[in-house]
Amino acid sequence: MNDQELLRLAAKAAGAEWTDYQRGTPNHWHIERADGVWREWNPLNDDGDALRLAVKLGLAVRVLEKCVFVESDPETLLGQSSVSELEMYGRPRDPYAATRRAITRAAAEIARTTDTGGEA
């Protein structure tokens, strides 16, 4: 699955929306903040977006020596099976990028395997 497909599915789980124009640059995901302002959203590149996604979906994140393990709580998914993702890293990859990717992959899998996309 490429990054665009990962983001599309993760966005479904997070409630983000696609827009084709932002400050002259096409192809961005946007999500509404609590104050009603829409902002760019990309959990593959932004630590805060990835953390908010993990919290929203009830994901547990474990960073180990050479990999990151992300797992969902089956109760969060309303009786569905749990979802888990393992992302390896090492030189030259960094644990931060691996963590963001593992969270995004888990969110995409939740959206792919549930009718509600992870929304309760």
PDB file of N, CA and C in Angstrom:
ATOM      1  N   MET A   1       0.851  -1.167   0.000  1.00  0.00           N
ATOM      2  CA  MET A   1       0.000   0.000   0.000  1.00  0.00           C
ATOM      3  C   MET A   1       0.906   1.243   0.000  1.00  0.00           C
ATOM      4  N   ASN A   2       0.630   2.185  -0.899  1.00  0.00           N
ATOM      5  CA  ASN A   2       1.462   3.388  -0.950  1.00  0.00           C
ATOM      6  C   ASN A   2       1.016   4.405   0.107  1.00  0.00           C
ATOM      7  N   ASP A   3       1.806   5.459   0.255  1.00  0.00           N
ATOM      8  CA  ASP A   3       1.524   6.452   1.297  1.00  0.00           C
ATOM      9  C   ASP A   3       0.167   7.124   1.108  1.00  0.00           C
ATOM     10  N   GLN A   4      -0.210   7.404  -0.135  1.00  0.00           N
ATOM     11  CA  GLN A   4      -1.491   8.069  -0.386  1.00  0.00           C
ATOM     12  C   GLN A   4      -2.652   7.188   0.069  1.00  0.00           C
ATOM     13  N   GLU A   5      -2.579   5.890  -0.210  1.00  0.00           N
ATOM     14  CA  GLU A   5      -3.629   4.971   0.222  1.00  0.00           C
ATOM     15  C   GLU A   5      -3.643   4.837   1.741  1.00  0.00           C
ATOM     16  N   LEU A   6      -2.451   4.782   2.356  1.00  0.00           N
ATOM     17  CA  LEU A   6      -2.380   4.753   3.827  1.00  0.00           C
ATOM     18  C   LEU A   6      -3.072   5.972   4.424  1.00  0.00           C
ATOM     19  N   LEU A   7      -2.766   7.142   3.889  1.00  0.00           N
ATOM     20  CA  LEU A   7      -3.371   8.372   4.405  1.00  0.00           C
ATOM     21  C   LEU A   7      -4.874   8.403   4.168  1.00  0.00           C
ATOM     22  N   ARG A   8      -5.322   7.922   3.015  1.00  0.00           N
ATOM     23  CA  ARG A   8      -6.757   7.908   2.727  1.00  0.00           C
ATOM     24  C   ARG A   8      -7.503   7.064   3.755  1.00  0.00           C
ATOM     25  N   LEU A   9      -6.989   5.866   4.047  1.00  0.00           N
ATOM     26  CA  LEU A   9      -7.655   4.992   5.012  1.00  0.00           C
ATOM     27  C   LEU A   9      -7.520   5.518   6.440  1.00  0.00           C
ATOM     28  N   ALA A  10      -6.334   6.014   6.797  1.00  0.00           N
ATOM     29  CA  ALA A  10      -6.149   6.576   8.142  1.00  0.00           C
ATOM     30  C   ALA A  10      -7.057   7.784   8.338  1.00  0.00           C
ATOM     31  N   ALA A  11      -7.229   8.572   7.283  1.00  0.00           N
ATOM     32  CA  ALA A  11      -8.118   9.734   7.354  1.00  0.00           C
ATOM     33  C   ALA A  11      -9.556   9.306   7.612  1.00  0.00           C
ATOM     34  N   LYS A  12      -9.961   8.200   7.006  1.00  0.00           N
ATOM     35  CA  LYS A  12     -11.305   7.674   7.251  1.00  0.00           C
ATOM     36  C   LYS A  12     -11.479   7.364   8.735  1.00  0.00           C
ATOM     37  N   ALA A  13     -10.473   6.745   9.337  1.00  0.00           N
ATOM     38  CA  ALA A  13     -10.541   6.409  10.763  1.00  0.00           C
ATOM     39  C   ALA A  13     -10.529   7.663  11.632  1.00  0.00           C
ATOM     40  N   ALA A  14      -9.825   8.703  11.183  1.00  0.00           N
ATOM     41  CA  ALA A  14      -9.662   9.918  11.986  1.00  0.00           C
ATOM     42  C   ALA A  14     -10.744  10.959  11.749  1.00  0.00           C
ATOM     43  N   GLY A  15     -11.462  10.839  10.643  1.00  0.00           N
ATOM     44  CA  GLY A  15     -12.462  11.849  10.314  1.00  0.00           C
ATOM     45  C   GLY A  15     -11.885  13.027   9.551  1.00  0.00           C
ATOM     46  N   ALA A  16     -10.707  12.857   8.946  1.00  0.00           N
ATOM     47  CA  ALA A  16     -10.102  13.918   8.140  1.00  0.00           C
ATOM     48  C   ALA A  16     -10.794  13.970   6.783  1.00  0.00           C
ATOM     49  N   GLU A  17     -10.677  15.110   6.109  1.00  0.00           N
ATOM     50  CA  GLU A  17     -11.287  15.291   4.795  1.00  0.00           C
ATOM     51  C   GLU A  17     -10.227  15.696   3.782  1.00  0.00           C
ATOM     52  N   TRP A  18     -10.427  15.251   2.543  1.00  0.00           N
ATOM     53  CA  TRP A  18      -9.514  15.565   1.450  1.00  0.00           C
ATOM     54  C   TRP A  18      -9.904  16.897   0.831  1.00  0.00           C
ATOM     55  N   THR A  19      -8.919  17.713   0.514  1.00  0.00           N
ATOM     56  CA  THR A  19      -9.169  18.938  -0.236  1.00  0.00           C
ATOM     57  C   THR A  19      -8.124  19.019  -1.337  1.00  0.00           C
ATOM     58  N   ASP A  20      -8.499  19.590  -2.457  1.00  0.00           N
ATOM     59  CA  ASP A  20      -7.573  19.635  -3.586  1.00  0.00           C
ATOM     60  C   ASP A  20      -6.876  20.981  -3.726  1.00  0.00           C
ATOM     61  N   TYR A  21      -7.061  21.873  -2.769  1.00  0.00           N
ATOM     62  CA  TYR A  21      -6.390  23.160  -2.866  1.00  0.00           C
ATOM     63  C   TYR A  21      -6.129  23.735  -1.482  1.00  0.00           C
ATOM     64  N   GLN A  22      -4.879  24.071  -1.220  1.00  0.00           N
ATOM     65  CA  GLN A  22      -4.502  24.705   0.046  1.00  0.00           C
ATOM     66  C   GLN A  22      -3.299  25.586  -0.236  1.00  0.00           C
ATOM     67  N   ARG A  23      -3.481  26.875  -0.136  1.00  0.00           N
ATOM     68  CA  ARG A  23      -2.394  27.835  -0.353  1.00  0.00           C
ATOM     69  C   ARG A  23      -1.658  27.567  -1.676  1.00  0.00           C
ATOM     70  N   GLY A  24      -2.418  27.259  -2.696  1.00  0.00           N
ATOM     71  CA  GLY A  24      -1.817  27.057  -4.009  1.00  0.00           C
ATOM     72  C   GLY A  24      -1.211  25.690  -4.231  1.00  0.00           C
ATOM     73  N   THR A  25      -1.239  24.825  -3.243  1.00  0.00           N
ATOM     74  CA  THR A  25      -0.656  23.495  -3.378  1.00  0.00           C
ATOM     75  C   THR A  25      -1.768  22.456  -3.306  1.00  0.00           C
ATOM     76  N   PRO A  26      -1.908  21.603  -4.309  1.00  0.00           N
ATOM     77  CA  PRO A  26      -2.990  20.627  -4.301  1.00  0.00           C
ATOM     78  C   PRO A  26      -2.693  19.427  -3.405  1.00  0.00           C
ATOM     79  N   ASN A  27      -3.728  18.659  -3.172  1.00  0.00           N
ATOM     80  CA  ASN A  27      -3.617  17.340  -2.552  1.00  0.00           C
ATOM     81  C   ASN A  27      -3.190  17.353  -1.094  1.00  0.00           C
ATOM     82  N   HIS A  28      -4.077  17.789  -0.247  1.00  0.00           N
ATOM     83  CA  HIS A  28      -3.825  17.799   1.197  1.00  0.00           C
ATOM     84  C   HIS A  28      -4.991  17.164   1.929  1.00  0.00           C
ATOM     85  N   TRP A  29      -4.683  16.521   3.028  1.00  0.00           N
ATOM     86  CA  TRP A  29      -5.715  16.100   3.965  1.00  0.00           C
ATOM     87  C   TRP A  29      -5.856  17.204   4.998  1.00  0.00           C
ATOM     88  N   HIS A  30      -7.097  17.464   5.415  1.00  0.00           N
ATOM     89  CA  HIS A  30      -7.363  18.469   6.444  1.00  0.00           C
ATOM     90  C   HIS A  30      -8.234  17.860   7.527  1.00  0.00           C
ATOM     91  N   ILE A  31      -8.063  18.335   8.728  1.00  0.00           N
ATOM     92  CA  ILE A  31      -8.872  17.877   9.846  1.00  0.00           C
ATOM     93  C   ILE A  31      -9.304  19.098  10.648  1.00  0.00           C
ATOM     94  N   GLU A  32     -10.496  19.035  11.185  1.00  0.00           N
ATOM     95  CA  GLU A  32     -11.028  20.171  11.939  1.00  0.00           C
ATOM     96  C   GLU A  32     -10.546  20.119  13.383  1.00  0.00           C
ATOM     97  N   ARG A  33      -9.985  21.224  13.849  1.00  0.00           N
ATOM     98  CA  ARG A  33      -9.565  21.332  15.248  1.00  0.00           C
ATOM     99  C   ARG A  33     -10.783  21.578  16.125  1.00  0.00           C
ATOM    100  N   ALA A  34     -10.585  21.496  17.431  1.00  0.00           N
ATOM    101  CA  ALA A  34     -11.678  21.718  18.390  1.00  0.00           C
ATOM    102  C   ALA A  34     -12.277  23.116  18.248  1.00  0.00           C
ATOM    103  N   ASP A  35     -11.466  24.100  17.821  1.00  0.00           N
ATOM    104  CA  ASP A  35     -11.970  25.472  17.688  1.00  0.00           C
ATOM    105  C   ASP A  35     -12.643  25.733  16.340  1.00  0.00           C
ATOM    106  N   GLY A  36     -12.820  24.684  15.540  1.00  0.00           N
ATOM    107  CA  GLY A  36     -13.518  24.817  14.268  1.00  0.00           C
ATOM    108  C   GLY A  36     -12.640  25.191  13.094  1.00  0.00           C
ATOM    109  N   VAL A  37     -11.360  25.399  13.303  1.00  0.00           N
ATOM    110  CA  VAL A  37     -10.435  25.753  12.231  1.00  0.00           C
ATOM    111  C   VAL A  37      -9.906  24.469  11.593  1.00  0.00           C
ATOM    112  N   TRP A  38      -9.884  24.454  10.263  1.00  0.00           N
ATOM    113  CA  TRP A  38      -9.335  23.304   9.545  1.00  0.00           C
ATOM    114  C   TRP A  38      -7.842  23.511   9.341  1.00  0.00           C
ATOM    115  N   ARG A  39      -7.073  22.452   9.513  1.00  0.00           N
ATOM    116  CA  ARG A  39      -5.626  22.537   9.312  1.00  0.00           C
ATOM    117  C   ARG A  39      -5.139  21.307   8.565  1.00  0.00           C
ATOM    118  N   GLU A  40      -3.972  21.446   7.949  1.00  0.00           N
ATOM    119  CA  GLU A  40      -3.386  20.332   7.216  1.00  0.00           C
ATOM    120  C   GLU A  40      -3.132  19.160   8.162  1.00  0.00           C
ATOM    121  N   TRP A  41      -3.286  17.938   7.649  1.00  0.00           N
ATOM    122  CA  TRP A  41      -3.178  16.728   8.472  1.00  0.00           C
ATOM    123  C   TRP A  41      -2.348  15.691   7.737  1.00  0.00           C
ATOM    124  N   ASN A  42      -1.276  15.222   8.363  1.00  0.00           N
ATOM    125  CA  ASN A  42      -0.462  14.156   7.777  1.00  0.00           C
ATOM    126  C   ASN A  42       0.285  13.425   8.888  1.00  0.00           C
ATOM    127  N   PRO A  43      -0.268  12.323   9.402  1.00  0.00           N
ATOM    128  CA  PRO A  43       0.382  11.597  10.491  1.00  0.00           C
ATOM    129  C   PRO A  43       1.659  10.876  10.074  1.00  0.00           C
ATOM    130  N   LEU A  44       1.931  10.764   8.778  1.00  0.00           N
ATOM    131  CA  LEU A  44       3.202  10.175   8.347  1.00  0.00           C
ATOM    132  C   LEU A  44       4.363  11.145   8.545  1.00  0.00           C
ATOM    133  N   ASN A  45       4.061  12.450   8.563  1.00  0.00           N
ATOM    134  CA  ASN A  45       5.111  13.464   8.683  1.00  0.00           C
ATOM    135  C   ASN A  45       5.055  14.272   9.968  1.00  0.00           C
ATOM    136  N   ASP A  46       3.922  14.273  10.648  1.00  0.00           N
ATOM    137  CA  ASP A  46       3.735  15.141  11.806  1.00  0.00           C
ATOM    138  C   ASP A  46       3.536  14.317  13.075  1.00  0.00           C
ATOM    139  N   ASP A  47       4.452  14.477  14.040  1.00  0.00           N
ATOM    140  CA  ASP A  47       4.369  13.727  15.298  1.00  0.00           C
ATOM    141  C   ASP A  47       3.044  13.969  16.017  1.00  0.00           C
ATOM    142  N   GLY A  48       2.598  15.223  16.061  1.00  0.00           N
ATOM    143  CA  GLY A  48       1.357  15.557  16.755  1.00  0.00           C
ATOM    144  C   GLY A  48       0.146  14.902  16.113  1.00  0.00           C
ATOM    145  N   ASP A  49       0.095  14.902  14.774  1.00  0.00           N
ATOM    146  CA  ASP A  49      -1.017  14.244  14.083  1.00  0.00           C
ATOM    147  C   ASP A  49      -1.026  12.752  14.383  1.00  0.00           C
ATOM    148  N   ALA A  50       0.149  12.139  14.386  1.00  0.00           N
ATOM    149  CA  ALA A  50       0.239  10.702  14.678  1.00  0.00           C
ATOM    150  C   ALA A  50      -0.193  10.408  16.113  1.00  0.00           C
ATOM    151  N   LEU A  51       0.238  11.233  17.058  1.00  0.00           N
ATOM    152  CA  LEU A  51      -0.144  11.011  18.457  1.00  0.00           C
ATOM    153  C   LEU A  51      -1.651  11.174  18.641  1.00  0.00           C
ATOM    154  N   ARG A  52      -2.223  12.232  18.056  1.00  0.00           N
ATOM    155  CA  ARG A  52      -3.672  12.428  18.169  1.00  0.00           C
ATOM    156  C   ARG A  52      -4.438  11.263  17.543  1.00  0.00           C
ATOM    157  N   LEU A  53      -3.930  10.730  16.440  1.00  0.00           N
ATOM    158  CA  LEU A  53      -4.555   9.579  15.790  1.00  0.00           C
ATOM    159  C   LEU A  53      -4.502   8.353  16.704  1.00  0.00           C
ATOM    160  N   ALA A  54      -3.351   8.112  17.323  1.00  0.00           N
ATOM    161  CA  ALA A  54      -3.211   6.972  18.245  1.00  0.00           C
ATOM    162  C   ALA A  54      -4.159   7.104  19.431  1.00  0.00           C
ATOM    163  N   VAL A  55      -4.268   8.300  19.980  1.00  0.00           N
ATOM    164  CA  VAL A  55      -5.155   8.519  21.130  1.00  0.00           C
ATOM    165  C   VAL A  55      -6.611   8.338  20.713  1.00  0.00           C
ATOM    166  N   LYS A  56      -6.993   8.939  19.586  1.00  0.00           N
ATOM    167  CA  LYS A  56      -8.384   8.846  19.120  1.00  0.00           C
ATOM    168  C   LYS A  56      -8.814   7.400  18.920  1.00  0.00           C
ATOM    169  N   LEU A  57      -7.899   6.562  18.422  1.00  0.00           N
ATOM    170  CA  LEU A  57      -8.238   5.176  18.117  1.00  0.00           C
ATOM    171  C   LEU A  57      -7.896   4.214  19.249  1.00  0.00           C
ATOM    172  N   GLY A  58      -7.360   4.731  20.348  1.00  0.00           N
ATOM    173  CA  GLY A  58      -7.026   3.875  21.483  1.00  0.00           C
ATOM    174  C   GLY A  58      -5.892   2.913  21.188  1.00  0.00           C
ATOM    175  N   LEU A  59      -4.884   3.377  20.461  1.00  0.00           N
ATOM    176  CA  LEU A  59      -3.762   2.519  20.090  1.00  0.00           C
ATOM    177  C   LEU A  59      -2.690   2.528  21.170  1.00  0.00           C
ATOM    178  N   ALA A  60      -2.127   1.360  21.427  1.00  0.00           N
ATOM    179  CA  ALA A  60      -0.985   1.238  22.335  1.00  0.00           C
ATOM    180  C   ALA A  60       0.276   1.194  21.482  1.00  0.00           C
ATOM    181  N   VAL A  61       1.266   1.995  21.842  1.00  0.00           N
ATOM    182  CA  VAL A  61       2.504   2.098  21.073  1.00  0.00           C
ATOM    183  C   VAL A  61       3.669   1.649  21.939  1.00  0.00           C
ATOM    184  N   ARG A  62       4.467   0.715  21.419  1.00  0.00           N
ATOM    185  CA  ARG A  62       5.678   0.266  22.115  1.00  0.00           C
ATOM    186  C   ARG A  62       6.861   0.463  21.181  1.00  0.00           C
ATOM    187  N   VAL A  63       7.820   1.273  21.611  1.00  0.00           N
ATOM    188  CA  VAL A  63       9.031   1.502  20.831  1.00  0.00           C
ATOM    189  C   VAL A  63      10.120   0.623  21.424  1.00  0.00           C
ATOM    190  N   LEU A  64      10.614  -0.300  20.617  1.00  0.00           N
ATOM    191  CA  LEU A  64      11.653  -1.229  21.045  1.00  0.00           C
ATOM    192  C   LEU A  64      12.970  -0.863  20.373  1.00  0.00           C
ATOM    193  N   GLU A  65      13.994  -1.665  20.587  1.00  0.00           N
ATOM    194  CA  GLU A  65      15.334  -1.318  20.104  1.00  0.00           C
ATOM    195  C   GLU A  65      15.410  -1.140  18.589  1.00  0.00           C
ATOM    196  N   LYS A  66      14.744  -2.005  17.822  1.00  0.00           N
ATOM    197  CA  LYS A  66      14.826  -1.910  16.367  1.00  0.00           C
ATOM    198  C   LYS A  66      13.469  -1.937  15.676  1.00  0.00           C
ATOM    199  N   CYS A  67      12.410  -1.789  16.450  1.00  0.00           N
ATOM    200  CA  CYS A  67      11.084  -1.810  15.845  1.00  0.00           C
ATOM    201  C   CYS A  67      10.085  -1.064  16.721  1.00  0.00           C
ATOM    202  N   VAL A  68       8.953  -0.772  16.114  1.00  0.00           N
ATOM    203  CA  VAL A  68       7.832  -0.151  16.818  1.00  0.00           C
ATOM    204  C   VAL A  68       6.643  -1.088  16.657  1.00  0.00           C
ATOM    205  N   PHE A  69       5.935  -1.332  17.748  1.00  0.00           N
ATOM    206  CA  PHE A  69       4.759  -2.195  17.738  1.00  0.00           C
ATOM    207  C   PHE A  69       3.553  -1.369  18.163  1.00  0.00           C
ATOM    208  N   VAL A  70       2.516  -1.373  17.341  1.00  0.00           N
ATOM    209  CA  VAL A  70       1.285  -0.638  17.627  1.00  0.00           C
ATOM    210  C   VAL A  70       0.139  -1.638  17.617  1.00  0.00           C
ATOM    211  N   GLU A  71      -0.708  -1.564  18.646  1.00  0.00           N
ATOM    212  CA  GLU A  71      -1.828  -2.497  18.754  1.00  0.00           C
ATOM    213  C   GLU A  71      -3.073  -1.758  19.218  1.00  0.00           C
ATOM    214  N   SER A  72      -4.214  -2.172  18.671  1.00  0.00           N
ATOM    215  CA  SER A  72      -5.490  -1.586  19.082  1.00  0.00           C
ATOM    216  C   SER A  72      -6.092  -2.405  20.204  1.00  0.00           C
ATOM    217  N   ASP A  73      -6.978  -1.773  20.920  1.00  0.00           N
ATOM    218  CA  ASP A  73      -7.751  -2.444  21.964  1.00  0.00           C
ATOM    219  C   ASP A  73      -9.025  -2.962  21.310  1.00  0.00           C
ATOM    220  N   PRO A  74      -9.289  -4.280  21.358  1.00  0.00           N
ATOM    221  CA  PRO A  74     -10.495  -4.810  20.707  1.00  0.00           C
ATOM    222  C   PRO A  74     -11.777  -4.147  21.196  1.00  0.00           C
ATOM    223  N   GLU A  75     -11.830  -3.720  22.441  1.00  0.00           N
ATOM    224  CA  GLU A  75     -13.035  -3.069  22.962  1.00  0.00           C
ATOM    225  C   GLU A  75     -13.282  -1.730  22.280  1.00  0.00           C
ATOM    226  N   THR A  76     -12.206  -1.053  21.888  1.00  0.00           N
ATOM    227  CA  THR A  76     -12.337   0.216  21.174  1.00  0.00           C
ATOM    228  C   THR A  76     -13.011   0.005  19.826  1.00  0.00           C
ATOM    229  N   LEU A  77     -12.816  -1.171  19.244  1.00  0.00           N
ATOM    230  CA  LEU A  77     -13.352  -1.463  17.917  1.00  0.00           C
ATOM    231  C   LEU A  77     -14.715  -2.141  17.963  1.00  0.00           C
ATOM    232  N   LEU A  78     -15.399  -2.038  19.082  1.00  0.00           N
ATOM    233  CA  LEU A  78     -16.755  -2.568  19.215  1.00  0.00           C
ATOM    234  C   LEU A  78     -16.838  -4.046  18.866  1.00  0.00           C
ATOM    235  N   GLY A  79     -15.985  -4.843  19.500  1.00  0.00           N
ATOM    236  CA  GLY A  79     -16.054  -6.285  19.334  1.00  0.00           C
ATOM    237  C   GLY A  79     -15.268  -6.836  18.160  1.00  0.00           C
ATOM    238  N   GLN A  80     -14.667  -5.982  17.345  1.00  0.00           N
ATOM    239  CA  GLN A  80     -13.847  -6.455  16.237  1.00  0.00           C
ATOM    240  C   GLN A  80     -12.526  -6.995  16.776  1.00  0.00           C
ATOM    241  N   SER A  81     -11.839  -7.768  15.974  1.00  0.00           N
ATOM    242  CA  SER A  81     -10.524  -8.262  16.365  1.00  0.00           C
ATOM    243  C   SER A  81      -9.550  -7.101  16.494  1.00  0.00           C
ATOM    244  N   SER A  82      -8.551  -7.293  17.327  1.00  0.00           N
ATOM    245  CA  SER A  82      -7.553  -6.233  17.478  1.00  0.00           C
ATOM    246  C   SER A  82      -6.712  -6.131  16.208  1.00  0.00           C
ATOM    247  N   VAL A  83      -6.115  -4.983  16.038  1.00  0.00           N
ATOM    248  CA  VAL A  83      -5.245  -4.705  14.904  1.00  0.00           C
ATOM    249  C   VAL A  83      -3.862  -4.458  15.459  1.00  0.00           C
ATOM    250  N   SER A  84      -2.837  -5.005  14.814  1.00  0.00           N
ATOM    251  CA  SER A  84      -1.471  -4.728  15.253  1.00  0.00           C
ATOM    252  C   SER A  84      -0.589  -4.506  14.032  1.00  0.00           C
ATOM    253  N   GLU A  85       0.391  -3.642  14.200  1.00  0.00           N
ATOM    254  CA  GLU A  85       1.351  -3.335  13.141  1.00  0.00           C
ATOM    255  C   GLU A  85       2.743  -3.296  13.741  1.00  0.00           C
ATOM    256  N   LEU A  86       3.696  -3.822  13.008  1.00  0.00           N
ATOM    257  CA  LEU A  86       5.097  -3.817  13.412  1.00  0.00           C
ATOM    258  C   LEU A  86       5.882  -3.087  12.337  1.00  0.00           C
ATOM    259  N   GLU A  87       6.641  -2.090  12.722  1.00  0.00           N
ATOM    260  CA  GLU A  87       7.465  -1.318  11.786  1.00  0.00           C
ATOM    261  C   GLU A  87       8.905  -1.401  12.252  1.00  0.00           C
ATOM    262  N   MET A  88       9.758  -1.967  11.419  1.00  0.00           N
ATOM    263  CA  MET A  88      11.181  -2.090  11.744  1.00  0.00           C
ATOM    264  C   MET A  88      11.898  -0.781  11.412  1.00  0.00           C
ATOM    265  N   TYR A  89      12.942  -0.501  12.148  1.00  0.00           N
ATOM    266  CA  TYR A  89      13.789   0.642  11.824  1.00  0.00           C
ATOM    267  C   TYR A  89      15.215   0.324  12.230  1.00  0.00           C
ATOM    268  N   GLY A  90      16.101   1.090  11.770  1.00  0.00           N
ATOM    269  CA  GLY A  90      17.523   0.944  12.054  1.00  0.00           C
ATOM    270  C   GLY A  90      18.229   2.019  11.269  1.00  0.00           C
ATOM    271  N   ARG A  91      19.475   1.934  11.172  1.00  0.00           N
ATOM    272  CA  ARG A  91      20.181   2.952  10.401  1.00  0.00           C
ATOM    273  C   ARG A  91      19.883   2.760   8.940  1.00  0.00           C
ATOM    274  N   PRO A  92      19.500   3.736   8.201  1.00  0.00           N
ATOM    275  CA  PRO A  92      19.372   5.156   8.480  1.00  0.00           C
ATOM    276  C   PRO A  92      17.979   5.572   8.947  1.00  0.00           C
ATOM    277  N   ARG A  93      17.028   4.658   9.064  1.00  0.00           N
ATOM    278  CA  ARG A  93      15.675   5.041   9.506  1.00  0.00           C
ATOM    279  C   ARG A  93      15.703   5.473  10.952  1.00  0.00           C
ATOM    280  N   ASP A  94      14.734   6.262  11.318  1.00  0.00           N
ATOM    281  CA  ASP A  94      14.701   6.729  12.702  1.00  0.00           C
ATOM    282  C   ASP A  94      13.441   6.224  13.404  1.00  0.00           C
ATOM    283  N   PRO A  95      13.473   6.113  14.721  1.00  0.00           N
ATOM    284  CA  PRO A  95      12.327   5.580  15.455  1.00  0.00           C
ATOM    285  C   PRO A  95      11.094   6.481  15.385  1.00  0.00           C
ATOM    286  N   TYR A  96      11.283   7.775  15.187  1.00  0.00           N
ATOM    287  CA  TYR A  96      10.150   8.695  15.111  1.00  0.00           C
ATOM    288  C   TYR A  96       9.346   8.458  13.834  1.00  0.00           C
ATOM    289  N   ALA A  97      10.039   8.354  12.709  1.00  0.00           N
ATOM    290  CA  ALA A  97       9.358   8.066  11.442  1.00  0.00           C
ATOM    291  C   ALA A  97       8.704   6.689  11.488  1.00  0.00           C
ATOM    292  N   ALA A  98       9.386   5.714  12.065  1.00  0.00           N
ATOM    293  CA  ALA A  98       8.822   4.366  12.173  1.00  0.00           C
ATOM    294  C   ALA A  98       7.573   4.367  13.049  1.00  0.00           C
ATOM    295  N   THR A  99       7.583   5.153  14.118  1.00  0.00           N
ATOM    296  CA  THR A  99       6.417   5.230  15.004  1.00  0.00           C
ATOM    297  C   THR A  99       5.239   5.870  14.283  1.00  0.00           C
ATOM    298  N   ARG A 100       5.485   6.970  13.578  1.00  0.00           N
ATOM    299  CA  ARG A 100       4.406   7.616  12.824  1.00  0.00           C
ATOM    300  C   ARG A 100       3.819   6.665  11.782  1.00  0.00           C
ATOM    301  N   ARG A 101       4.699   5.940  11.081  1.00  0.00           N
ATOM    302  CA  ARG A 101       4.238   5.013  10.044  1.00  0.00           C
ATOM    303  C   ARG A 101       3.446   3.858  10.651  1.00  0.00           C
ATOM    304  N   ALA A 102       3.903   3.303  11.763  1.00  0.00           N
ATOM    305  CA  ALA A 102       3.190   2.187  12.402  1.00  0.00           C
ATOM    306  C   ALA A 102       1.802   2.627  12.870  1.00  0.00           C
ATOM    307  N   ILE A 103       1.703   3.817  13.437  1.00  0.00           N
ATOM    308  CA  ILE A 103       0.404   4.346  13.870  1.00  0.00           C
ATOM    309  C   ILE A 103      -0.515   4.533  12.663  1.00  0.00           C
ATOM    310  N   THR A 104       0.010   5.110  11.598  1.00  0.00           N
ATOM    311  CA  THR A 104      -0.792   5.348  10.399  1.00  0.00           C
ATOM    312  C   THR A 104      -1.234   4.034   9.775  1.00  0.00           C
ATOM    313  N   ARG A 105      -0.345   3.045   9.743  1.00  0.00           N
ATOM    314  CA  ARG A 105      -0.709   1.730   9.201  1.00  0.00           C
ATOM    315  C   ARG A 105      -1.798   1.069  10.036  1.00  0.00           C
ATOM    316  N   ALA A 106      -1.699   1.172  11.355  1.00  0.00           N
ATOM    317  CA  ALA A 106      -2.731   0.586  12.221  1.00  0.00           C
ATOM    318  C   ALA A 106      -4.074   1.273  11.989  1.00  0.00           C
ATOM    319  N   ALA A 107      -4.065   2.595  11.877  1.00  0.00           N
ATOM    320  CA  ALA A 107      -5.306   3.333  11.619  1.00  0.00           C
ATOM    321  C   ALA A 107      -5.903   2.932  10.275  1.00  0.00           C
ATOM    322  N   ALA A 108      -5.060   2.787   9.267  1.00  0.00           N
ATOM    323  CA  ALA A 108      -5.534   2.368   7.948  1.00  0.00           C
ATOM    324  C   ALA A 108      -6.154   0.977   8.012  1.00  0.00           C
ATOM    325  N   GLU A 109      -5.547   0.097   8.751  1.00  0.00           N
ATOM    326  CA  GLU A 109      -6.081  -1.264   8.891  1.00  0.00           C
ATOM    327  C   GLU A 109      -7.418  -1.252   9.628  1.00  0.00           C
ATOM    328  N   ILE A 110      -7.543  -0.409  10.632  1.00  0.00           N
ATOM    329  CA  ILE A 110      -8.827  -0.279  11.334  1.00  0.00           C
ATOM    330  C   ILE A 110      -9.905   0.184  10.360  1.00  0.00           C
ATOM    331  N   ALA A 111      -9.601   1.189   9.562  1.00  0.00           N
ATOM    332  CA  ALA A 111     -10.578   1.687   8.590  1.00  0.00           C
ATOM    333  C   ALA A 111     -10.907   0.625   7.550  1.00  0.00           C
ATOM    334  N   ARG A 112      -9.921  -0.136   7.149  1.00  0.00           N
ATOM    335  CA  ARG A 112     -10.121  -1.165   6.126  1.00  0.00           C
ATOM    336  C   ARG A 112     -10.984  -2.317   6.626  1.00  0.00           C
ATOM    337  N   THR A 113     -10.872  -2.648   7.904  1.00  0.00           N
ATOM    338  CA  THR A 113     -11.535  -3.845   8.423  1.00  0.00           C
ATOM    339  C   THR A 113     -12.821  -3.572   9.196  1.00  0.00           C
ATOM    340  N   THR A 114     -13.177  -2.309   9.383  1.00  0.00           N
ATOM    341  CA  THR A 114     -14.419  -2.004  10.095  1.00  0.00           C
ATOM    342  C   THR A 114     -15.315  -1.146   9.223  1.00  0.00           C
ATOM    343  N   ASP A 115     -16.600  -1.317   9.383  1.00  0.00           N
ATOM    344  CA  ASP A 115     -17.563  -0.519   8.619  1.00  0.00           C
ATOM    345  C   ASP A 115     -17.526   0.943   9.021  1.00  0.00           C
ATOM    346  N   THR A 116     -17.218   1.201  10.286  1.00  0.00           N
ATOM    347  CA  THR A 116     -17.282   2.567  10.797  1.00  0.00           C
ATOM    348  C   THR A 116     -15.959   3.298  10.685  1.00  0.00           C
ATOM    349  N   GLY A 117     -14.903   2.613  10.241  1.00  0.00           N
ATOM    350  CA  GLY A 117     -13.609   3.268  10.157  1.00  0.00           C
ATOM    351  C   GLY A 117     -13.042   3.615  11.506  1.00  0.00           C
ATOM    352  N   GLY A 118     -13.434   2.879  12.534  1.00  0.00           N
ATOM    353  CA  GLY A 118     -12.897   3.123  13.857  1.00  0.00           C
ATOM    354  C   GLY A 118     -13.727   4.061  14.693  1.00  0.00           C
ATOM    355  N   GLU A 119     -14.725   4.694  14.098  1.00  0.00           N
ATOM    356  CA  GLU A 119     -15.565   5.622  14.844  1.00  0.00           C
ATOM    357  C   GLU A 119     -16.580   4.856  15.674  1.00  0.00           C
ATOM    358  N   ALA A 120     -16.738   5.237  16.922  1.00  0.00           N
ATOM    359  CA  ALA A 120     -17.709   4.571  17.791  1.00  0.00           C
ATOM    360  C   ALA A 120     -19.083   5.168  17.604  1.00  0.00           C
TER     361      ALA A 120
END
